[in-house]
Protein backbone atom coordinates (compact mmCIF):
# COMPACT_ATOMS: atom_id res chain seq x y z
CA MET A 1 -5.14 -172.61 -81.19
CA VAL A 2 -8.68 -171.37 -81.71
CA ASN A 3 -11.44 -173.75 -82.69
CA ASP A 4 -13.11 -172.39 -85.87
CA SER A 5 -16.55 -173.72 -85.01
CA ARG A 6 -16.86 -171.76 -81.78
CA VAL A 7 -15.10 -168.42 -81.89
CA GLY A 8 -12.86 -167.71 -78.92
CA GLU A 9 -13.30 -171.09 -77.22
CA THR A 10 -9.57 -171.54 -76.83
CA VAL A 11 -6.82 -168.99 -76.48
CA GLY A 12 -4.07 -168.19 -78.95
CA ARG A 13 -2.57 -164.99 -80.30
CA ASP A 14 -0.49 -165.90 -83.31
CA ALA A 15 -0.10 -168.51 -86.05
CA GLY A 16 -2.82 -169.30 -88.54
CA LEU A 17 -5.72 -169.62 -86.13
CA GLY A 18 -4.71 -167.24 -83.35
CA PHE A 19 -6.44 -164.10 -82.13
CA THR A 20 -4.62 -162.15 -84.83
CA GLY A 21 -5.35 -164.58 -87.67
CA VAL A 22 -8.09 -164.25 -90.31
CA ALA A 23 -9.01 -167.93 -89.98
CA ILE A 24 -10.65 -167.38 -86.61
CA TRP A 25 -13.58 -165.70 -88.39
CA ARG A 26 -14.04 -168.39 -91.04
CA GLY A 27 -17.76 -169.07 -91.41
CA HIS A 28 -18.66 -165.87 -89.53
CA ALA A 29 -17.59 -163.23 -92.07
CA ASP A 30 -16.48 -162.78 -95.66
CA GLU A 31 -12.81 -162.12 -96.37
CA ALA A 32 -13.09 -158.32 -96.23
CA LEU A 33 -14.96 -158.32 -92.91
CA ALA A 34 -12.62 -160.95 -91.47
CA ALA A 35 -9.66 -158.67 -92.20
CA ILE A 36 -11.42 -155.80 -90.39
CA LEU A 37 -12.14 -158.06 -87.43
CA VAL A 38 -8.46 -158.99 -87.23
CA GLU A 39 -7.48 -155.30 -87.21
CA TRP A 40 -9.98 -154.65 -84.40
CA THR A 41 -8.57 -157.57 -82.40
CA ARG A 42 -5.01 -156.32 -82.83
CA TRP A 43 -6.11 -152.89 -81.63
CA LEU A 44 -7.63 -154.45 -78.52
CA LEU A 45 -4.46 -156.45 -77.87
CA ASP A 46 -1.82 -153.87 -78.70
CA GLU A 47 -3.41 -150.53 -77.79
CA ARG A 48 -6.11 -151.38 -75.27
CA ARG A 49 -3.97 -154.23 -73.87
CA VAL A 50 -7.06 -156.34 -73.22
CA ALA A 51 -6.44 -159.67 -71.50
CA ASP A 52 -6.64 -162.93 -73.45
CA HIS A 53 -9.71 -164.22 -71.61
CA THR A 54 -11.49 -160.90 -72.29
CA ILE A 55 -10.62 -161.13 -75.99
CA ALA A 56 -12.04 -164.65 -76.04
CA ALA A 57 -15.29 -163.37 -74.49
CA TYR A 58 -15.47 -160.51 -77.02
CA HIS A 59 -14.97 -163.00 -79.85
CA ARG A 60 -17.76 -165.23 -78.54
CA ASP A 61 -20.23 -162.34 -78.31
CA LEU A 62 -19.34 -160.90 -81.70
CA GLY A 63 -19.21 -164.34 -83.28
CA GLN A 64 -22.73 -165.09 -82.00
CA PHE A 65 -23.94 -161.76 -83.40
CA LEU A 66 -22.44 -162.47 -86.83
CA SER A 67 -23.86 -166.02 -86.83
CA PHE A 68 -27.31 -164.60 -86.13
CA ILE A 69 -26.95 -162.00 -88.90
CA ALA A 70 -25.88 -164.71 -91.35
CA GLU A 71 -29.01 -166.72 -90.55
CA HIS A 72 -31.25 -163.65 -90.29
CA LYS A 73 -30.18 -162.21 -93.66
CA GLY A 74 -29.40 -165.47 -95.44
CA GLU A 75 -25.89 -164.40 -96.44
CA THR A 76 -22.36 -164.29 -95.07
CA PRO A 77 -21.83 -161.04 -93.14
CA SER A 78 -19.80 -158.45 -95.04
CA PRO A 79 -18.89 -154.77 -94.47
CA LYS A 80 -21.69 -153.66 -96.82
CA GLY A 81 -24.12 -156.01 -95.13
CA LEU A 82 -23.33 -154.61 -91.69
CA GLU A 83 -23.72 -151.05 -92.98
CA ALA A 84 -27.22 -151.94 -94.22
CA LEU A 85 -28.49 -153.23 -90.86
CA ASN A 86 -31.32 -151.26 -89.27
CA PRO A 87 -32.40 -151.02 -85.61
CA SER A 88 -34.91 -153.85 -86.03
CA ASP A 89 -32.09 -156.21 -87.02
CA PHE A 90 -30.17 -155.48 -83.83
CA ARG A 91 -33.36 -155.79 -81.76
CA ALA A 92 -34.13 -159.13 -83.41
CA TRP A 93 -30.68 -160.38 -82.35
CA LEU A 94 -31.28 -159.27 -78.75
CA ALA A 95 -34.73 -160.87 -78.78
CA LYS A 96 -33.28 -164.15 -80.03
CA ARG A 97 -30.67 -164.16 -77.28
CA SER A 98 -33.26 -163.25 -74.67
CA THR A 99 -35.51 -166.17 -75.62
CA GLY A 100 -32.46 -168.40 -75.17
CA GLY A 101 -32.57 -167.66 -71.46
CA LEU A 102 -29.65 -165.24 -71.22
CA LYS A 103 -29.61 -162.85 -68.29
CA ARG A 104 -29.91 -159.13 -68.93
CA THR A 105 -26.30 -158.66 -67.85
CA SER A 106 -25.17 -161.03 -70.63
CA LEU A 107 -27.41 -159.28 -73.16
CA ALA A 108 -26.01 -155.89 -72.17
CA ARG A 109 -22.44 -157.17 -72.36
CA GLY A 110 -22.98 -158.59 -75.85
CA LEU A 111 -24.54 -155.35 -77.09
CA SER A 112 -21.63 -153.41 -75.61
CA VAL A 113 -19.12 -155.57 -77.52
CA VAL A 114 -20.98 -155.09 -80.80
CA ARG A 115 -21.23 -151.33 -80.19
CA ASN A 116 -17.50 -151.23 -79.45
CA PHE A 117 -16.76 -152.93 -82.78
CA PHE A 118 -19.02 -150.62 -84.81
CA ARG A 119 -17.60 -147.56 -83.03
CA TRP A 120 -14.04 -148.64 -83.83
CA CYS A 121 -14.98 -149.30 -87.45
CA GLU A 122 -16.44 -145.80 -87.85
CA ARG A 123 -13.45 -144.10 -86.19
CA ASN A 124 -11.08 -145.96 -88.50
CA GLY A 125 -13.07 -145.57 -91.70
CA ARG A 126 -13.86 -149.26 -92.13
CA LEU A 127 -17.67 -149.12 -92.12
CA THR A 128 -20.41 -146.90 -90.71
CA ASN A 129 -23.79 -147.76 -89.22
CA GLN A 130 -25.59 -145.40 -86.87
CA ALA A 131 -28.58 -147.72 -86.43
CA ILE A 132 -27.03 -149.45 -83.42
CA GLN A 133 -27.14 -146.15 -81.53
CA ALA A 134 -30.94 -146.34 -81.63
CA VAL A 135 -30.92 -149.65 -79.75
CA ARG A 136 -31.25 -149.32 -75.99
CA SER A 137 -29.20 -151.51 -73.71
CA PRO A 138 -31.31 -153.82 -71.49
CA ARG A 139 -32.02 -152.24 -68.13
CA LEU A 140 -29.86 -153.92 -65.53
CA PRO A 141 -31.01 -154.70 -62.01
CA HIS A 142 -29.37 -152.48 -59.42
CA SER A 143 -27.01 -154.60 -57.38
CA ILE A 144 -24.57 -153.69 -54.68
CA PRO A 145 -21.40 -155.51 -53.62
CA LYS A 146 -21.83 -158.12 -50.90
CA PRO A 147 -18.85 -157.86 -48.55
CA LEU A 148 -18.04 -160.02 -45.56
CA SER A 149 -18.09 -158.55 -42.09
CA PRO A 150 -14.64 -157.91 -40.56
CA THR A 151 -15.16 -160.91 -38.27
CA ASP A 152 -16.20 -163.21 -41.12
CA ALA A 153 -13.23 -162.12 -43.24
CA LYS A 154 -10.85 -162.95 -40.39
CA ASP A 155 -12.59 -166.28 -39.77
CA VAL A 156 -12.29 -167.26 -43.46
CA ILE A 157 -8.54 -166.61 -43.38
CA ASP A 158 -8.11 -168.52 -40.11
CA MET A 159 -10.17 -171.43 -41.45
CA ALA A 160 -8.10 -171.56 -44.63
CA ARG A 161 -4.89 -171.62 -42.60
CA THR A 162 -5.92 -174.62 -40.50
CA ALA A 163 -7.85 -176.62 -43.13
CA ASN A 164 -4.78 -178.63 -44.22
CA ILE A 165 -2.89 -178.59 -40.95
CA THR A 166 -2.51 -182.40 -40.98
CA ASP A 167 -2.06 -183.39 -44.64
CA ALA A 168 -0.30 -180.39 -46.20
CA PRO A 169 0.29 -177.45 -43.87
CA TRP A 170 1.88 -175.38 -46.65
CA ILE A 171 -1.39 -175.38 -48.62
CA GLY A 172 -3.21 -173.88 -45.65
CA LEU A 173 -0.52 -171.23 -45.40
CA ARG A 174 -0.84 -170.58 -49.14
CA ASP A 175 -4.61 -170.12 -48.94
CA ALA A 176 -4.31 -167.88 -45.89
CA ALA A 177 -1.65 -165.77 -47.65
CA LEU A 178 -3.80 -165.44 -50.77
CA PHE A 179 -6.97 -164.50 -48.87
CA THR A 180 -5.07 -162.10 -46.64
CA LEU A 181 -3.65 -160.44 -49.76
CA LEU A 182 -7.11 -160.10 -51.34
CA TYR A 183 -8.60 -158.62 -48.19
CA GLY A 184 -5.61 -156.59 -47.07
CA CYS A 185 -4.77 -155.04 -50.46
CA GLY A 186 -8.08 -155.22 -52.37
CA LEU A 187 -6.63 -157.20 -55.27
CA ARG A 188 -8.58 -159.06 -57.91
CA ILE A 189 -7.95 -162.81 -57.86
CA SER A 190 -6.24 -162.60 -61.28
CA GLU A 191 -3.95 -159.83 -60.02
CA ALA A 192 -2.95 -161.82 -56.94
CA LEU A 193 -2.30 -165.04 -58.86
CA GLY A 194 -0.27 -163.12 -61.43
CA LEU A 195 2.27 -161.92 -58.85
CA THR A 196 5.80 -163.30 -59.08
CA ARG A 197 8.15 -163.97 -56.20
CA GLY A 198 10.30 -161.06 -57.33
CA GLN A 199 7.32 -158.69 -57.17
CA ILE A 200 6.15 -159.64 -53.71
CA GLU A 201 8.98 -161.06 -51.61
CA GLY A 202 10.65 -158.48 -49.42
CA VAL A 203 7.92 -155.90 -50.10
CA VAL A 204 7.82 -153.51 -47.17
CA GLU A 205 5.28 -150.74 -47.62
CA SER A 206 3.76 -150.92 -51.11
CA LEU A 207 3.25 -153.28 -54.01
CA LEU A 208 3.13 -152.55 -57.76
CA VAL A 209 0.14 -154.40 -59.21
CA ASP A 210 -0.58 -155.13 -62.88
CA GLY A 211 -4.30 -154.45 -63.22
CA LYS A 212 -6.90 -154.57 -65.98
CA GLY A 213 -5.85 -153.29 -69.38
CA GLY A 214 -2.19 -153.42 -68.39
CA LYS A 215 -2.63 -150.51 -65.98
CA GLN A 216 -0.35 -150.52 -62.98
CA ARG A 217 -1.11 -149.15 -59.53
CA MET A 218 0.60 -148.99 -56.16
CA VAL A 219 -1.18 -150.51 -53.16
CA PRO A 220 -0.02 -150.35 -49.54
CA VAL A 221 0.88 -153.65 -47.91
CA LEU A 222 0.01 -154.22 -44.26
CA PRO A 223 2.54 -156.01 -42.00
CA ILE A 224 0.09 -158.88 -41.53
CA VAL A 225 0.01 -159.39 -45.30
CA GLN A 226 3.82 -159.42 -45.44
CA GLU A 227 4.01 -161.92 -42.60
CA SER A 228 1.41 -164.23 -44.12
CA ILE A 229 3.14 -164.29 -47.50
CA ALA A 230 6.56 -164.83 -45.92
CA ALA A 231 5.22 -167.79 -43.91
CA TYR A 232 3.80 -169.36 -47.06
CA ILE A 233 6.97 -168.86 -49.15
CA SER A 234 9.05 -170.37 -46.35
CA ALA A 235 6.81 -173.46 -46.21
CA CYS A 236 6.26 -173.95 -49.96
CA PRO A 237 7.95 -177.24 -50.97
CA TYR A 238 8.57 -176.13 -54.56
CA PRO A 239 11.47 -173.95 -55.72
CA LEU A 240 10.32 -170.43 -56.55
CA SER A 241 12.52 -168.46 -58.91
CA ILE A 242 12.35 -164.68 -59.00
CA ASP A 243 10.17 -164.78 -62.14
CA ALA A 244 7.93 -167.64 -60.98
CA LYS A 245 4.31 -167.11 -59.98
CA VAL A 246 4.41 -167.07 -56.20
CA PHE A 247 1.15 -168.98 -55.60
CA ARG A 248 1.57 -172.65 -56.53
CA GLY A 249 -0.82 -175.55 -56.89
CA ALA A 250 -0.52 -178.87 -55.10
CA ARG A 251 1.61 -180.29 -57.94
CA GLY A 252 3.85 -177.26 -58.24
CA GLY A 253 2.29 -175.42 -61.19
CA PRO A 254 0.76 -171.94 -60.96
CA LEU A 255 -2.34 -171.93 -58.77
CA ASN A 256 -5.55 -172.15 -60.80
CA PRO A 257 -8.26 -169.57 -59.96
CA GLY A 258 -10.79 -172.41 -59.81
CA VAL A 259 -8.80 -174.06 -57.03
CA ALA A 260 -8.73 -170.81 -55.05
CA GLN A 261 -12.50 -170.49 -55.46
CA MET A 262 -12.95 -174.08 -54.32
CA ARG A 263 -10.85 -173.44 -51.20
CA MET A 264 -13.03 -170.43 -50.45
CA ARG A 265 -16.16 -172.57 -50.82
CA MET A 266 -14.76 -175.06 -48.33
CA ALA A 267 -14.03 -172.31 -45.81
CA ARG A 268 -17.43 -170.63 -46.12
CA ARG A 269 -19.29 -173.95 -45.78
CA ALA A 270 -17.33 -174.78 -42.65
CA LEU A 271 -18.25 -171.36 -41.24
CA GLY A 272 -21.87 -171.43 -42.43
CA LEU A 273 -21.47 -168.33 -44.61
CA SER A 274 -23.60 -167.52 -47.67
CA ASP A 275 -22.65 -168.31 -51.26
CA THR A 276 -21.71 -164.64 -51.75
CA ALA A 277 -18.57 -165.27 -49.69
CA THR A 278 -16.19 -165.62 -52.66
CA PRO A 279 -12.58 -164.53 -53.24
CA HIS A 280 -13.93 -161.40 -54.95
CA ALA A 281 -16.04 -160.67 -51.85
CA LEU A 282 -12.75 -160.16 -49.98
CA ARG A 283 -11.97 -157.32 -52.40
CA HIS A 284 -15.46 -155.92 -51.79
CA SER A 285 -14.79 -156.19 -48.05
CA PHE A 286 -11.51 -154.28 -48.40
CA ALA A 287 -13.31 -151.36 -50.09
CA THR A 288 -16.39 -151.39 -47.85
CA HIS A 289 -14.43 -151.52 -44.61
CA LEU A 290 -12.13 -148.70 -45.76
CA LEU A 291 -15.15 -146.56 -46.60
CA ALA A 292 -16.82 -147.35 -43.26
CA GLY A 293 -13.62 -146.32 -41.53
CA GLY A 294 -13.66 -142.89 -43.16
CA GLY A 295 -11.62 -143.65 -46.29
CA ASP A 296 -11.80 -141.16 -49.16
CA LEU A 297 -13.77 -142.43 -52.17
CA ARG A 298 -11.19 -141.16 -54.67
CA ALA A 299 -8.37 -142.85 -52.76
CA ILE A 300 -10.33 -146.12 -52.66
CA GLN A 301 -10.89 -145.81 -56.42
CA GLU A 302 -7.12 -145.61 -56.93
CA LEU A 303 -6.45 -148.54 -54.60
CA LEU A 304 -8.96 -150.73 -56.42
CA GLY A 305 -7.80 -149.69 -59.88
CA HIS A 306 -11.28 -148.61 -61.02
CA ALA A 307 -11.28 -146.59 -64.23
CA SER A 308 -14.52 -144.85 -63.26
CA LEU A 309 -15.52 -143.33 -59.93
CA SER A 310 -19.09 -144.53 -60.52
CA THR A 311 -17.88 -148.12 -60.10
CA THR A 312 -16.40 -147.28 -56.71
CA GLN A 313 -19.52 -145.39 -55.66
CA ARG A 314 -21.39 -148.69 -55.44
CA TYR A 315 -19.72 -149.16 -52.07
CA THR A 316 -21.51 -146.11 -50.70
CA ASP A 317 -24.75 -148.03 -51.29
CA VAL A 318 -23.43 -150.81 -49.07
CA GLU A 319 -22.67 -148.35 -46.31
CA THR A 320 -26.05 -146.64 -46.69
CA ASP A 321 -27.82 -150.01 -46.40
CA ARG A 322 -25.84 -150.78 -43.25
CA LEU A 323 -26.68 -147.45 -41.66
CA MET A 324 -30.37 -147.82 -42.50
CA ALA A 325 -30.42 -151.32 -41.00
CA GLU A 326 -28.87 -149.98 -37.79
CA TYR A 327 -31.35 -147.12 -37.75
CA ARG A 328 -34.32 -149.42 -38.15
CA SER A 329 -33.10 -151.74 -35.41
CA ALA A 330 -32.20 -148.97 -32.92
CA HIS A 331 -34.65 -146.12 -33.34
CA PRO A 332 -37.56 -146.24 -30.82
CA ARG A 333 -40.14 -145.39 -33.48
CA ALA A 334 -38.72 -147.62 -36.20
CA THR A 335 -41.13 -150.42 -35.33
């Protein structure tokens, strides 16, 4: 059930206050606009197949925008009211969020959500406002992925395996299996934790992964990944049905992403690694090490499930930085 006072704080799809219910927008929009917002949400869920947590984030950003407009204009947002907004109104919203201490990445994400909504409205004949197109997205700092070295990735997995060797050996095997899967197959943490026993047990050469937006992709599975998962399943003290999530928490429920991140923090602290050594860094390491080994960029894009090649191209920056560092340290005239 969704809390009316803070849009998208909790997750729910149906009933009176779910993602698809008008009541979620109470206080943020008049009845006509609320109905449009529900249509947009259903489109995201049914056609774009956007994940629940992403919908919740979209609702928060759009809800904050509508709350600002209500205060800024002194009236409940309506379709006609949104059509009358000019570029200065959108810029005032961004300025207000910026003074609140939000990072540029958060500002850009919020503007992207609002643009998405207005674009959908125009395509579907609900309302039209071209003013938002005149608003520039905040310039984002150029960042590159921060992978682990091959040695550090191996050490993290070994550390995870032995961390609970005395109290609960199966938990160490679980963590090692999860981290090996992330590094060996390049999965997102949500993709790995979403796998069922039926999907993964007995897998020989490839694995069908449910990625972002409901898109599926095939990824090859290394023998070491198979062995690590088999060792964990064999040691897991809880019964795992074919449809059950394969990675379990200490009490037998599905493993929480926060717990996996905590286990990674424990391993990196024990090894003296930086804070950038996260579960997602293992995915970065998968891509970077493939590229360094001569992997084709298009093939890596497919393995990672990136919709755009430009996202995958960030890993070429990592490799360029590495080569330049080696050049500077080895060339006689570099100093």
